[in-house]
Amino acid sequence: AVVAAIVAFGTGIVSAPQLQVSPGLG
């Protein structure tokens, strides 16, 4: 769960500048 969370964190940080932050991002 921790490893998956680290991957999720990295994914969210690099995707946000292009897709922007919203409840529907995930």
PDB file of all heavy atoms in Angstrom:
ATOM      1  N   ALA A   1       0.832  -1.207   0.000  1.00  0.00           N
ATOM      2  CA  ALA A   1       0.000   0.000   0.000  1.00  0.00           C
ATOM      3  C   ALA A   1       0.866   1.256   0.000  1.00  0.00           C
ATOM      4  O   ALA A   1       0.551   2.241  -0.683  1.00  0.00           O
ATOM      5  CB  ALA A   1      -0.931  -0.006   1.212  1.00  0.00           C
ATOM      6  N   VAL A   2       1.970   1.237   0.746  1.00  0.00           N
ATOM      7  CA  VAL A   2       2.877   2.392   0.789  1.00  0.00           C
ATOM      8  C   VAL A   2       3.547   2.591  -0.569  1.00  0.00           C
ATOM      9  O   VAL A   2       3.628   3.721  -1.078  1.00  0.00           O
ATOM     10  CB  VAL A   2       3.941   2.205   1.889  1.00  0.00           C
ATOM     11  CG1 VAL A   2       5.027   3.266   1.772  1.00  0.00           C
ATOM     12  CG2 VAL A   2       3.284   2.270   3.266  1.00  0.00           C
ATOM     13  N   VAL A   3       4.034   1.505  -1.176  1.00  0.00           N
ATOM     14  CA  VAL A   3       4.688   1.613  -2.486  1.00  0.00           C
ATOM     15  C   VAL A   3       3.692   2.136  -3.525  1.00  0.00           C
ATOM     16  O   VAL A   3       4.024   3.020  -4.334  1.00  0.00           O
ATOM     17  CB  VAL A   3       5.264   0.255  -2.928  1.00  0.00           C
ATOM     18  CG1 VAL A   3       5.827   0.357  -4.348  1.00  0.00           C
ATOM     19  CG2 VAL A   3       6.342  -0.200  -1.965  1.00  0.00           C
ATOM     20  N   ALA A   4       2.475   1.600  -3.517  1.00  0.00           N
ATOM     21  CA  ALA A   4       1.449   2.066  -4.457  1.00  0.00           C
ATOM     22  C   ALA A   4       1.127   3.541  -4.225  1.00  0.00           C
ATOM     23  O   ALA A   4       0.891   4.299  -5.181  1.00  0.00           O
ATOM     24  CB  ALA A   4       0.185   1.226  -4.310  1.00  0.00           C
ATOM     25  N   ALA A   5       1.142   3.965  -2.954  1.00  0.00           N
ATOM     26  CA  ALA A   5       0.874   5.370  -2.634  1.00  0.00           C
ATOM     27  C   ALA A   5       1.991   6.273  -3.148  1.00  0.00           C
ATOM     28  O   ALA A   5       1.730   7.384  -3.622  1.00  0.00           O
ATOM     29  CB  ALA A   5       0.715   5.539  -1.126  1.00  0.00           C
ATOM     30  N   ILE A   6       3.228   5.816  -3.064  1.00  0.00           N
ATOM     31  CA  ILE A   6       4.361   6.598  -3.581  1.00  0.00           C
ATOM     32  C   ILE A   6       4.238   6.766  -5.097  1.00  0.00           C
ATOM     33  O   ILE A   6       4.443   7.854  -5.643  1.00  0.00           O
ATOM     34  CB  ILE A   6       5.694   5.928  -3.208  1.00  0.00           C
ATOM     35  CG1 ILE A   6       5.904   6.001  -1.700  1.00  0.00           C
ATOM     36  CG2 ILE A   6       6.864   6.582  -3.944  1.00  0.00           C
ATOM     37  CD1 ILE A   6       7.084   5.183  -1.200  1.00  0.00           C
ATOM     38  N   VAL A   7       3.868   5.679  -5.778  1.00  0.00           N
ATOM     39  CA  VAL A   7       3.642   5.765  -7.222  1.00  0.00           C
ATOM     40  C   VAL A   7       2.477   6.701  -7.520  1.00  0.00           C
ATOM     41  O   VAL A   7       2.534   7.516  -8.457  1.00  0.00           O
ATOM     42  CB  VAL A   7       3.384   4.365  -7.816  1.00  0.00           C
ATOM     43  CG1 VAL A   7       3.029   4.468  -9.302  1.00  0.00           C
ATOM     44  CG2 VAL A   7       4.596   3.466  -7.627  1.00  0.00           C
ATOM     45  N   ALA A   8       1.406   6.603  -6.730  1.00  0.00           N
ATOM     46  CA  ALA A   8       0.253   7.489  -6.922  1.00  0.00           C
ATOM     47  C   ALA A   8       0.637   8.942  -6.713  1.00  0.00           C
ATOM     48  O   ALA A   8       0.191   9.827  -7.460  1.00  0.00           O
ATOM     49  CB  ALA A   8      -0.871   7.095  -5.951  1.00  0.00           C
ATOM     50  N   PHE A   9       1.462   9.205  -5.716  1.00  0.00           N
ATOM     51  CA  PHE A   9       1.899  10.574  -5.452  1.00  0.00           C
ATOM     52  C   PHE A   9       2.675  11.126  -6.648  1.00  0.00           C
ATOM     53  O   PHE A   9       2.410  12.237  -7.120  1.00  0.00           O
ATOM     54  CB  PHE A   9       2.769  10.611  -4.198  1.00  0.00           C
ATOM     55  CG  PHE A   9       3.291  11.991  -3.883  1.00  0.00           C
ATOM     56  CD1 PHE A   9       2.477  12.934  -3.273  1.00  0.00           C
ATOM     57  CD2 PHE A   9       4.593  12.348  -4.208  1.00  0.00           C
ATOM     58  CE1 PHE A   9       2.949  14.206  -2.985  1.00  0.00           C
ATOM     59  CE2 PHE A   9       5.078  13.616  -3.926  1.00  0.00           C
ATOM     60  CZ  PHE A   9       4.243  14.547  -3.321  1.00  0.00           C
ATOM     61  N   GLY A  10       3.633  10.353  -7.135  1.00  0.00           N
ATOM     62  CA  GLY A  10       4.397  10.794  -8.296  1.00  0.00           C
ATOM     63  C   GLY A  10       3.517  11.019  -9.506  1.00  0.00           C
ATOM     64  O   GLY A  10       3.682  12.006 -10.247  1.00  0.00           O
ATOM     65  N   THR A  11       2.552  10.126  -9.712  1.00  0.00           N
ATOM     66  CA  THR A  11       1.630  10.255 -10.842  1.00  0.00           C
ATOM     67  C   THR A  11       0.807  11.529 -10.732  1.00  0.00           C
ATOM     68  O   THR A  11       0.638  12.267 -11.711  1.00  0.00           O
ATOM     69  CB  THR A  11       0.690   9.041 -10.906  1.00  0.00           C
ATOM     70  OG1 THR A  11       1.452   7.835 -10.878  1.00  0.00           O
ATOM     71  CG2 THR A  11      -0.144   9.071 -12.178  1.00  0.00           C
ATOM     72  N   GLY A  12       0.291  11.783  -9.544  1.00  0.00           N
ATOM     73  CA  GLY A  12      -0.538  12.972  -9.355  1.00  0.00           C
ATOM     74  C   GLY A  12       0.223  14.261  -9.559  1.00  0.00           C
ATOM     75  O   GLY A  12      -0.279  15.212 -10.187  1.00  0.00           O
ATOM     76  N   ILE A  13       1.465  14.313  -9.081  1.00  0.00           N
ATOM     77  CA  ILE A  13       2.263  15.537  -9.186  1.00  0.00           C
ATOM     78  C   ILE A  13       2.605  15.850 -10.637  1.00  0.00           C
ATOM     79  O   ILE A  13       2.544  17.005 -11.068  1.00  0.00           O
ATOM     80  CB  ILE A  13       3.541  15.424  -8.338  1.00  0.00           C
ATOM     81  CG1 ILE A  13       3.195  15.342  -6.847  1.00  0.00           C
ATOM     82  CG2 ILE A  13       4.468  16.609  -8.601  1.00  0.00           C
ATOM     83  CD1 ILE A  13       2.442  16.537  -6.308  1.00  0.00           C
ATOM     84  N   VAL A  14       2.970  14.838 -11.433  1.00  0.00           N
ATOM     85  CA  VAL A  14       3.374  15.110 -12.819  1.00  0.00           C
ATOM     86  C   VAL A  14       2.186  15.285 -13.755  1.00  0.00           C
ATOM     87  O   VAL A  14       2.311  15.905 -14.810  1.00  0.00           O
ATOM     88  CB  VAL A  14       4.309  14.007 -13.359  1.00  0.00           C
ATOM     89  CG1 VAL A  14       5.573  13.927 -12.523  1.00  0.00           C
ATOM     90  CG2 VAL A  14       3.626  12.657 -13.425  1.00  0.00           C
ATOM     91  N   SER A  15       1.021  14.760 -13.369  1.00  0.00           N
ATOM     92  CA  SER A  15      -0.155  14.904 -14.233  1.00  0.00           C
ATOM     93  C   SER A  15      -0.885  16.220 -14.009  1.00  0.00           C
ATOM     94  O   SER A  15      -1.533  16.740 -14.926  1.00  0.00           O
ATOM     95  CB  SER A  15      -1.128  13.744 -13.996  1.00  0.00           C
ATOM     96  OG  SER A  15      -1.675  13.787 -12.684  1.00  0.00           O
ATOM     97  N   ALA A  16      -0.787  16.768 -12.805  1.00  0.00           N
ATOM     98  CA  ALA A  16      -1.564  17.955 -12.440  1.00  0.00           C
ATOM     99  C   ALA A  16      -1.296  19.195 -13.295  1.00  0.00           C
ATOM    100  O   ALA A  16      -2.234  19.918 -13.628  1.00  0.00           O
ATOM    101  CB  ALA A  16      -1.354  18.279 -10.954  1.00  0.00           C
ATOM    102  N   PRO A  17      -0.023  19.492 -13.672  1.00  0.00           N
ATOM    103  CA  PRO A  17       0.191  20.698 -14.468  1.00  0.00           C
ATOM    104  C   PRO A  17      -0.544  20.686 -15.799  1.00  0.00           C
ATOM    105  O   PRO A  17      -0.968  21.728 -16.297  1.00  0.00           O
ATOM    106  CB  PRO A  17       1.713  20.703 -14.688  1.00  0.00           C
ATOM    107  CG  PRO A  17       2.258  19.925 -13.552  1.00  0.00           C
ATOM    108  CD  PRO A  17       1.247  18.854 -13.294  1.00  0.00           C
ATOM    109  N   GLN A  18      -0.721  19.504 -16.376  1.00  0.00           N
ATOM    110  CA  GLN A  18      -1.375  19.404 -17.677  1.00  0.00           C
ATOM    111  C   GLN A  18      -2.883  19.234 -17.538  1.00  0.00           C
ATOM    112  O   GLN A  18      -3.655  19.829 -18.297  1.00  0.00           O
ATOM    113  CB  GLN A  18      -0.788  18.222 -18.455  1.00  0.00           C
ATOM    114  CG  GLN A  18      -1.275  18.106 -19.889  1.00  0.00           C
ATOM    115  CD  GLN A  18      -0.513  17.039 -20.653  1.00  0.00           C
ATOM    116  OE1 GLN A  18       0.275  16.292 -20.090  1.00  0.00           O
ATOM    117  NE2 GLN A  18      -0.743  16.962 -21.949  1.00  0.00           N
ATOM    118  N   LEU A  19      -3.321  18.427 -16.583  1.00  0.00           N
ATOM    119  CA  LEU A  19      -4.743  18.121 -16.443  1.00  0.00           C
ATOM    120  C   LEU A  19      -5.453  19.007 -15.433  1.00  0.00           C
ATOM    121  O   LEU A  19      -6.668  19.011 -15.368  1.00  0.00           O
ATOM    122  CB  LEU A  19      -4.911  16.647 -16.048  1.00  0.00           C
ATOM    123  CG  LEU A  19      -4.313  15.624 -17.023  1.00  0.00           C
ATOM    124  CD1 LEU A  19      -4.514  14.218 -16.496  1.00  0.00           C
ATOM    125  CD2 LEU A  19      -4.920  15.772 -18.408  1.00  0.00           C
ATOM    126  N   GLN A  20      -4.683  19.724 -14.606  1.00  0.00           N
ATOM    127  CA  GLN A  20      -5.176  20.576 -13.540  1.00  0.00           C
ATOM    128  C   GLN A  20      -5.785  19.744 -12.405  1.00  0.00           C
ATOM    129  O   GLN A  20      -5.981  18.534 -12.525  1.00  0.00           O
ATOM    130  CB  GLN A  20      -6.165  21.614 -14.062  1.00  0.00           C
ATOM    131  CG  GLN A  20      -5.548  22.556 -15.115  1.00  0.00           C
ATOM    132  CD  GLN A  20      -6.432  23.719 -15.449  1.00  0.00           C
ATOM    133  OE1 GLN A  20      -7.651  23.599 -15.526  1.00  0.00           O
ATOM    134  NE2 GLN A  20      -5.828  24.882 -15.645  1.00  0.00           N
ATOM    135  N   VAL A  21      -6.055  20.418 -11.305  1.00  0.00           N
ATOM    136  CA  VAL A  21      -6.482  19.728 -10.084  1.00  0.00           C
ATOM    137  C   VAL A  21      -7.990  19.880  -9.923  1.00  0.00           C
ATOM    138  O   VAL A  21      -8.516  20.991  -9.879  1.00  0.00           O
ATOM    139  CB  VAL A  21      -5.766  20.304  -8.842  1.00  0.00           C
ATOM    140  CG1 VAL A  21      -6.188  19.557  -7.590  1.00  0.00           C
ATOM    141  CG2 VAL A  21      -4.256  20.220  -9.026  1.00  0.00           C
ATOM    142  N   SER A  22      -8.662  18.755  -9.830  1.00  0.00           N
ATOM    143  CA  SER A  22     -10.122  18.761  -9.634  1.00  0.00           C
ATOM    144  C   SER A  22     -10.536  17.432  -9.035  1.00  0.00           C
ATOM    145  O   SER A  22      -9.780  16.448  -9.096  1.00  0.00           O
ATOM    146  CB  SER A  22     -10.844  18.977 -10.967  1.00  0.00           C
ATOM    147  OG  SER A  22     -10.724  17.822 -11.785  1.00  0.00           O
ATOM    148  N   PRO A  23     -11.731  17.355  -8.452  1.00  0.00           N
ATOM    149  CA  PRO A  23     -12.197  16.075  -7.898  1.00  0.00           C
ATOM    150  C   PRO A  23     -12.298  14.973  -8.944  1.00  0.00           C
ATOM    151  O   PRO A  23     -12.256  13.788  -8.608  1.00  0.00           O
ATOM    152  CB  PRO A  23     -13.586  16.427  -7.338  1.00  0.00           C
ATOM    153  CG  PRO A  23     -13.509  17.894  -7.038  1.00  0.00           C
ATOM    154  CD  PRO A  23     -12.650  18.466  -8.118  1.00  0.00           C
ATOM    155  N   GLY A  24     -12.417  15.332 -10.222  1.00  0.00           N
ATOM    156  CA  GLY A  24     -12.535  14.327 -11.266  1.00  0.00           C
ATOM    157  C   GLY A  24     -11.217  13.841 -11.830  1.00  0.00           C
ATOM    158  O   GLY A  24     -11.201  12.939 -12.682  1.00  0.00           O
ATOM    159  N   LEU A  25     -10.101  14.401 -11.376  1.00  0.00           N
ATOM    160  CA  LEU A  25      -8.795  14.022 -11.909  1.00  0.00           C
ATOM    161  C   LEU A  25      -8.520  12.540 -11.711  1.00  0.00           C
ATOM    162  O   LEU A  25      -8.073  11.850 -12.633  1.00  0.00           O
ATOM    163  CB  LEU A  25      -7.699  14.858 -11.232  1.00  0.00           C
ATOM    164  CG  LEU A  25      -6.250  14.464 -11.549  1.00  0.00           C
ATOM    165  CD1 LEU A  25      -5.960  14.668 -13.032  1.00  0.00           C
ATOM    166  CD2 LEU A  25      -5.272  15.279 -10.702  1.00  0.00           C
ATOM    167  N   GLY A  26      -8.791  12.038 -10.530  1.00  0.00           N
ATOM    168  CA  GLY A  26      -8.480  10.653 -10.224  1.00  0.00           C
ATOM    169  C   GLY A  26      -9.282   9.672 -11.058  1.00  0.00           C
ATOM    170  O   GLY A  26      -8.746   8.693 -11.576  1.00  0.00           O
TER     171      GLY A  26
END
